[in-house]
Amino acid sequence: MWRATLVCFLVPALPCMAGTISLNLPVECTLGKSCYIQNYVDRDPGPGTRDVGCGTLSYNGHKGTDFALPTVAAMRAGVKVRAAAPGTVRAVRDGEPDRAFVDGASVAGRECGNGVVIEDGDGWETQYCHMRDGSISVKPGQVVAAGDVLGLVGQSGKAEFPHLHLSLRHDGKTVDPFDPDMRQACATDIAAQELWAEPIAYIPTGVLQLGFASQPPSYDAVKQGLAPEATLPADGPALVVWLYGFGAQTGDQIKTRITGPDGLSLAHDAELKKTQALFFQFFGRKTPADGWPAGRYRAQVEILRAGDVIAQRTLEVTLTR
C-alpha cells in the first residue's frame, strides 16, 4: 500500500560534482559470490546501450544499478537491503507481489514495485526498488543511518529477476555512482571516480553457477535455485555439466572440460550466437553401457572474449556405484 508517493524522475543526466556523497553497498551480500551487478546506468544518450565500462550490462534508458541475486531461492531465503547513505525517508511503498511481472500481470504505474526513497541531503536522493513484498521496515519521516535495514531484496514491480535497483540522483538528475561526472567516454579507471565508500570492481561477465547432473536440467529450475549435485550415480542416464552466467556477448567462446578416473577426458567448445543478460548452457555425454568409472570428476568452464579468458569456474563431483 502507498504511504507516500514514490517519484521516479525521468530527466536527462547532466554532470555533477563528484565526492559529495559516499555510498555503502546497499545489499547484505558478497559481490561475485552471493550477488552480482546485472545492470549499470545506461550511458548512451541515444537509442543504443552502453554501461560505464563500455560493455552491455544495461538497457536503453536504465537509470540505476541493479544488485542481483543469482536465484529465486536466494531471494526467498532473505537478503537484507541496507541504506547506502544516511538521510530521511521521504516515501515508501509495500504490498506489491513478487514476480507479478514475470507471471504476466500488469505493473503499469508501479514499475519500482516495493521501494523506499531517501533524501540524503545537499540535493542527493537515493531510491531503492523491487524489494520483497511485506519487507519494508521504515516509514516516511524516519531518519536512517548508513547501513540501517530498509527491507529485503525482492522481485516486485517490473523485475525479471530478483534484485535491488538503486537509483542515485542529485538535484533531480540521474548520477552514475561508478562515474559521477557522467562522462560519455569509457571509464577506464572506475575506482578513481566512483562514489562508493569501498571500491567496487567492474565485472562485465561472470559465472553464477556451475553444476553436474545426470541429465540436462531445465533453465527454469536453474534460475529457481537448483543446487549442484555433490554425488551422482555412475550408471545414470548421462554425465552433464551445466553453466549459468551473466553478461554474455555475441561471439563469446565457452570451453568446457571434464576429467575423471582412468584418464577420462571430455571437451566441448561453443560460440554464443547472441548477447544475453543471463544465459544457460550445458554439455554432456550419454552414459556408456557399463557405466562411468567410479571416482572423482572435475569440470572446468572458461568464457573467452577475443581470445582472452574473462570468467572461469571449476567444480568436482563424485560418481558412485
Protein backbone atom coordinates (compact mmCIF):
# COMPACT_ATOMS: atom_id res chain seq x y z
CA MET A 1 0.00 0.00 0.00
CA TRP A 2 1.08 3.57 -0.58
CA ARG A 3 2.05 5.62 2.47
CA ALA A 4 3.52 8.37 0.32
CA THR A 5 4.22 8.88 -3.34
CA LEU A 6 7.34 7.34 -4.87
CA VAL A 7 8.68 9.56 -7.62
CA CYS A 8 11.00 8.48 -10.41
CA PHE A 9 12.41 11.45 -12.27
CA LEU A 10 12.83 10.82 -15.98
CA VAL A 11 15.17 13.69 -16.78
CA PRO A 12 18.38 13.85 -18.83
CA ALA A 13 21.59 13.11 -16.97
CA LEU A 14 23.92 16.09 -16.54
CA PRO A 15 27.38 16.36 -14.96
CA CYS A 16 27.55 16.82 -11.21
CA MET A 17 30.30 17.40 -8.70
CA ALA A 18 31.94 14.19 -7.53
CA GLY A 19 32.80 13.33 -3.95
CA THR A 20 29.83 14.97 -2.21
CA ILE A 21 28.22 11.70 -1.15
CA SER A 22 29.65 8.34 -0.14
CA LEU A 23 27.68 5.15 -0.72
CA ASN A 24 27.89 1.84 1.09
CA LEU A 25 26.94 -1.44 -0.56
CA PRO A 26 23.10 -1.44 -0.34
CA VAL A 27 22.71 -5.23 -0.20
CA GLU A 28 23.99 -7.55 2.52
CA CYS A 29 25.88 -9.91 0.24
CA THR A 30 29.33 -10.63 -1.19
CA LEU A 31 29.69 -9.33 -4.73
CA GLY A 32 30.92 -12.02 -7.09
CA LYS A 33 29.70 -14.80 -4.80
CA SER A 34 26.21 -14.36 -3.32
CA CYS A 35 25.26 -11.38 -5.53
CA TYR A 36 26.45 -9.54 -8.61
CA ILE A 37 25.73 -6.41 -10.67
CA GLN A 38 23.45 -7.23 -13.58
CA ASN A 39 22.87 -3.72 -14.95
CA TYR A 40 24.57 -0.33 -14.70
CA VAL A 41 23.31 3.14 -15.68
CA ASP A 42 22.85 3.42 -19.45
CA ARG A 43 25.48 5.90 -20.64
CA ASP A 44 24.39 6.06 -24.29
CA PRO A 45 22.41 9.30 -24.87
CA GLY A 46 20.66 7.82 -27.91
CA PRO A 47 18.69 4.63 -28.57
CA GLY A 48 21.77 2.43 -28.03
CA THR A 49 23.06 0.95 -24.78
CA ARG A 50 26.44 1.31 -23.07
CA ASP A 51 27.43 0.76 -19.46
CA VAL A 52 30.19 2.63 -17.64
CA GLY A 53 32.87 0.25 -18.93
CA CYS A 54 31.54 0.36 -22.50
CA GLY A 55 30.03 -3.07 -22.02
CA THR A 56 26.47 -4.34 -22.49
CA LEU A 57 25.30 -4.62 -18.86
CA SER A 58 22.45 -2.14 -19.17
CA TYR A 59 19.44 -1.42 -21.34
CA ASN A 60 18.13 1.69 -23.06
CA GLY A 61 17.23 4.36 -20.52
CA HIS A 62 18.25 2.39 -17.42
CA LYS A 63 18.82 4.89 -14.58
CA GLY A 64 20.29 2.85 -11.76
CA THR A 65 22.48 -0.03 -10.61
CA ASP A 66 20.93 -3.50 -10.29
CA PHE A 67 22.37 -5.63 -7.47
CA ALA A 68 21.08 -9.09 -8.39
CA LEU A 69 20.75 -12.37 -6.55
CA PRO A 70 21.66 -15.49 -8.55
CA THR A 71 18.43 -17.39 -7.85
CA VAL A 72 14.85 -17.06 -6.63
CA ALA A 73 15.79 -19.39 -3.77
CA ALA A 74 18.32 -16.81 -2.54
CA MET A 75 15.59 -14.17 -2.56
CA ARG A 76 13.22 -16.38 -0.60
CA ALA A 77 15.94 -17.12 1.97
CA GLY A 78 16.04 -13.38 2.67
CA VAL A 79 18.79 -10.88 1.79
CA LYS A 80 18.77 -7.53 3.60
CA VAL A 81 18.64 -4.16 1.85
CA ARG A 82 20.56 -1.50 3.78
CA ALA A 83 20.65 2.28 3.41
CA ALA A 84 23.58 3.22 1.20
CA ALA A 85 23.85 6.64 2.85
CA PRO A 86 22.29 8.45 5.83
CA GLY A 87 19.19 10.53 5.33
CA THR A 88 15.46 10.92 5.90
CA VAL A 89 12.89 8.58 4.41
CA ARG A 90 10.66 10.57 2.07
CA ALA A 91 8.42 7.82 0.71
CA VAL A 92 7.77 4.09 0.84
CA ARG A 93 5.58 1.56 -0.89
CA ASP A 94 4.85 -2.01 0.15
CA GLY A 95 2.28 -4.67 -0.65
CA GLU A 96 3.23 -5.29 -4.30
CA PRO A 97 3.52 -9.04 -5.05
CA ASP A 98 6.85 -10.52 -6.04
CA ARG A 99 7.23 -11.98 -9.56
CA ALA A 100 3.99 -10.41 -10.76
CA PHE A 101 5.68 -9.09 -13.91
CA VAL A 102 7.19 -12.45 -14.93
CA ASP A 103 3.84 -14.10 -14.22
CA GLY A 104 2.19 -11.79 -16.77
CA ALA A 105 0.43 -9.27 -14.51
CA SER A 106 0.40 -5.56 -15.33
CA VAL A 107 2.67 -3.39 -13.18
CA ALA A 108 1.94 -0.13 -15.01
CA GLY A 109 2.50 2.82 -12.68
CA ARG A 110 4.17 0.53 -10.14
CA GLU A 111 7.33 -0.40 -12.04
CA CYS A 112 9.51 0.22 -8.98
CA GLY A 113 7.45 -2.27 -7.01
CA ASN A 114 8.02 -2.11 -3.27
CA GLY A 115 10.54 0.61 -2.55
CA VAL A 116 11.95 3.42 -0.49
CA VAL A 117 13.09 6.97 -1.37
CA ILE A 118 15.59 8.64 0.97
CA GLU A 119 16.63 12.30 0.93
CA ASP A 120 20.35 12.22 1.70
CA GLY A 121 20.96 15.98 1.95
CA ASP A 122 22.61 18.61 -0.27
CA GLY A 123 20.31 17.71 -3.15
CA TRP A 124 21.14 13.99 -3.11
CA GLU A 125 18.45 11.32 -3.19
CA THR A 126 18.57 7.52 -3.28
CA GLN A 127 15.76 5.25 -4.43
CA TYR A 128 15.51 1.51 -3.71
CA CYS A 129 13.21 -0.59 -5.92
CA HIS A 130 11.87 -4.16 -6.36
CA MET A 131 12.03 -5.03 -2.66
CA ARG A 132 10.26 -8.09 -1.26
CA ASP A 133 6.57 -7.93 -0.53
CA GLY A 134 5.91 -7.13 3.12
CA SER A 135 9.54 -6.47 3.96
CA ILE A 136 9.71 -2.66 4.14
CA SER A 137 10.84 -1.76 7.67
CA VAL A 138 10.98 2.07 7.59
CA LYS A 139 8.40 4.85 7.50
CA PRO A 140 8.22 8.31 5.89
CA GLY A 141 9.96 10.90 8.06
CA GLN A 142 12.20 8.34 9.71
CA VAL A 143 15.89 9.26 9.96
CA VAL A 144 18.20 6.43 8.94
CA ALA A 145 21.94 5.90 9.20
CA ALA A 146 24.06 4.30 6.52
CA GLY A 147 23.69 0.55 6.93
CA ASP A 148 20.23 0.60 8.54
CA VAL A 149 17.97 -2.17 7.26
CA LEU A 150 15.26 -0.96 4.88
CA GLY A 151 13.81 -4.35 3.91
CA LEU A 152 14.70 -7.37 1.77
CA VAL A 153 15.71 -7.90 -1.84
CA GLY A 154 12.70 -8.98 -3.89
CA GLN A 155 11.24 -9.19 -7.36
CA SER A 156 8.30 -6.81 -7.20
CA GLY A 157 7.29 -4.34 -9.87
CA LYS A 158 8.87 -4.58 -13.32
CA ALA A 159 11.57 -7.07 -12.38
CA GLU A 160 12.57 -10.07 -14.48
CA PHE A 161 14.94 -11.43 -11.82
CA PRO A 162 15.46 -10.94 -8.04
CA HIS A 163 17.41 -7.73 -7.45
CA LEU A 164 17.64 -4.34 -5.82
CA HIS A 165 17.58 -1.41 -8.22
CA LEU A 166 19.42 1.54 -6.66
CA SER A 167 18.98 4.95 -8.29
CA LEU A 168 21.11 7.94 -7.30
CA ARG A 169 20.02 11.50 -8.14
CA HIS A 170 21.44 14.96 -7.47
CA ASP A 171 19.05 17.89 -7.81
CA GLY A 172 16.75 15.51 -9.69
CA LYS A 173 19.40 14.45 -12.23
CA THR A 174 20.49 10.83 -12.61
CA VAL A 175 24.05 10.17 -11.43
CA ASP A 176 26.08 7.03 -12.11
CA PRO A 177 27.89 6.23 -8.82
CA PHE A 178 30.62 4.48 -10.82
CA ASP A 179 31.38 7.67 -12.78
CA PRO A 180 29.63 10.67 -11.21
CA ASP A 181 30.97 13.15 -13.76
CA MET A 182 28.80 11.26 -16.29
CA ARG A 183 31.45 11.35 -19.00
CA GLN A 184 30.47 9.97 -22.38
CA ALA A 185 33.85 8.27 -22.85
CA CYS A 186 34.52 4.81 -21.44
CA ALA A 187 35.54 4.93 -17.79
CA THR A 188 38.90 3.15 -17.82
CA ASP A 189 39.70 3.97 -14.19
CA ILE A 190 36.36 3.46 -12.49
CA ALA A 191 37.77 3.17 -8.95
CA ALA A 192 39.22 6.69 -9.14
CA GLN A 193 35.83 8.20 -10.00
CA GLU A 194 33.23 6.18 -8.15
CA LEU A 195 31.19 7.34 -5.18
CA TRP A 196 31.33 4.02 -3.34
CA ALA A 197 32.92 4.09 0.12
CA GLU A 198 34.68 0.84 -0.80
CA PRO A 199 35.65 0.49 -4.49
CA ILE A 200 33.51 -1.95 -6.47
CA ALA A 201 35.16 -3.71 -9.38
CA TYR A 202 33.51 -3.56 -12.79
CA ILE A 203 32.83 -7.15 -13.90
CA PRO A 204 31.23 -7.34 -17.36
CA THR A 205 30.69 -11.12 -17.45
CA GLY A 206 30.61 -13.86 -14.85
CA VAL A 207 29.66 -17.40 -13.89
CA LEU A 208 26.82 -17.57 -11.38
CA GLN A 209 26.56 -21.33 -11.02
CA LEU A 210 28.23 -24.49 -12.29
CA GLY A 211 26.79 -27.93 -11.71
CA PHE A 212 26.95 -31.63 -12.54
CA ALA A 213 23.80 -33.64 -13.25
CA SER A 214 22.67 -37.00 -14.64
CA GLN A 215 20.53 -35.27 -17.24
CA PRO A 216 20.14 -31.70 -18.53
CA PRO A 217 18.22 -29.55 -16.03
CA SER A 218 15.60 -27.04 -17.12
CA TYR A 219 16.61 -23.40 -17.31
CA ASP A 220 13.72 -22.51 -15.01
CA ALA A 221 14.96 -24.97 -12.37
CA VAL A 222 18.42 -23.39 -12.52
CA LYS A 223 17.02 -19.86 -12.12
CA GLN A 224 14.85 -21.02 -9.24
CA GLY A 225 17.95 -22.23 -7.38
CA LEU A 226 18.86 -25.77 -8.43
CA ALA A 227 21.72 -26.91 -6.18
CA PRO A 228 24.74 -28.61 -7.80
CA GLU A 229 24.96 -32.32 -7.02
CA ALA A 230 27.82 -33.50 -4.78
CA THR A 231 27.43 -37.15 -5.81
CA LEU A 232 25.86 -38.87 -8.80
CA PRO A 233 25.24 -42.49 -9.80
CA ALA A 234 27.85 -43.85 -12.20
CA ASP A 235 25.08 -45.59 -14.14
CA GLY A 236 22.76 -42.59 -14.54
CA PRO A 237 21.37 -41.60 -17.96
CA ALA A 238 24.24 -39.21 -18.73
CA LEU A 239 27.03 -37.08 -17.32
CA VAL A 240 26.17 -33.41 -17.77
CA VAL A 241 27.82 -30.13 -16.79
CA TRP A 242 25.60 -27.03 -16.77
CA LEU A 243 26.55 -23.36 -16.60
CA TYR A 244 24.52 -20.33 -15.54
CA GLY A 245 26.08 -16.92 -16.14
CA PHE A 246 25.55 -13.24 -16.91
CA GLY A 247 26.82 -10.67 -19.38
CA ALA A 248 27.34 -12.88 -22.45
CA GLN A 249 28.15 -11.18 -25.73
CA THR A 250 27.83 -12.37 -29.30
CA GLY A 251 30.92 -14.33 -30.26
CA ASP A 252 31.96 -15.30 -26.73
CA GLN A 253 33.53 -18.76 -26.57
CA ILE A 254 32.59 -21.25 -23.84
CA LYS A 255 35.12 -24.03 -23.30
CA THR A 256 34.03 -26.96 -21.13
CA ARG A 257 36.40 -29.71 -19.98
CA ILE A 258 35.54 -32.79 -17.90
CA THR A 259 38.26 -35.03 -16.48
CA GLY A 260 37.82 -38.21 -14.45
CA PRO A 261 39.31 -41.55 -13.41
CA ASP A 262 41.34 -43.74 -15.77
CA GLY A 263 42.41 -40.73 -17.83
CA LEU A 264 38.86 -39.86 -18.89
CA SER A 265 38.69 -36.53 -20.71
CA LEU A 266 35.72 -34.87 -22.43
CA ALA A 267 35.73 -31.46 -24.10
CA HIS A 268 33.26 -29.15 -25.79
CA ASP A 269 33.64 -25.68 -27.33
CA ALA A 270 30.68 -23.46 -28.15
CA GLU A 271 30.24 -19.95 -29.54
CA LEU A 272 27.40 -17.80 -28.27
CA LYS A 273 25.23 -16.51 -31.09
CA LYS A 274 23.72 -13.50 -29.34
CA THR A 275 24.23 -11.07 -26.46
CA GLN A 276 22.36 -12.21 -23.35
CA ALA A 277 21.95 -10.59 -19.94
CA LEU A 278 21.57 -14.07 -18.43
CA PHE A 279 22.49 -17.32 -20.16
CA PHE A 280 22.36 -21.07 -19.63
CA GLN A 281 24.46 -23.75 -21.34
CA PHE A 282 25.02 -27.47 -20.79
CA PHE A 283 27.30 -30.16 -22.19
CA GLY A 284 27.45 -33.89 -21.60
CA ARG A 285 27.64 -37.43 -22.86
CA LYS A 286 25.31 -40.41 -22.60
CA THR A 287 26.47 -43.00 -20.09
CA PRO A 288 28.38 -45.95 -21.61
CA ALA A 289 26.73 -49.36 -21.42
CA ASP A 290 28.94 -50.40 -18.50
CA GLY A 291 28.61 -47.03 -16.74
CA TRP A 292 31.18 -44.38 -15.90
CA PRO A 293 34.23 -45.25 -13.79
CA ALA A 294 33.52 -44.56 -10.13
CA GLY A 295 35.52 -41.76 -8.52
CA ARG A 296 36.10 -38.00 -8.63
CA TYR A 297 35.29 -35.94 -11.71
CA ARG A 298 36.28 -32.35 -12.35
CA ALA A 299 34.65 -29.79 -14.65
CA GLN A 300 36.34 -26.60 -15.80
CA VAL A 301 34.49 -23.94 -17.75
CA GLU A 302 36.11 -20.88 -19.31
CA ILE A 303 34.45 -17.95 -21.06
CA LEU A 304 36.67 -16.26 -23.62
CA ARG A 305 36.22 -12.95 -25.40
CA ALA A 306 38.55 -12.01 -28.25
CA GLY A 307 40.78 -14.86 -27.15
CA ASP A 308 41.10 -13.74 -23.52
CA VAL A 309 39.65 -15.66 -20.56
CA ILE A 310 37.19 -13.29 -18.86
CA ALA A 311 35.49 -15.74 -16.48
CA GLN A 312 36.04 -19.28 -15.29
CA ARG A 313 34.82 -21.78 -12.71
CA THR A 314 35.72 -25.33 -11.63
CA LEU A 315 33.67 -27.95 -9.78
CA GLU A 316 34.10 -31.55 -8.65
CA VAL A 317 31.60 -34.38 -8.18
CA THR A 318 31.84 -38.00 -7.04
CA LEU A 319 30.30 -40.80 -9.13
CA THR A 320 29.34 -43.87 -7.11
CA ARG A 321 28.19 -47.40 -7.93
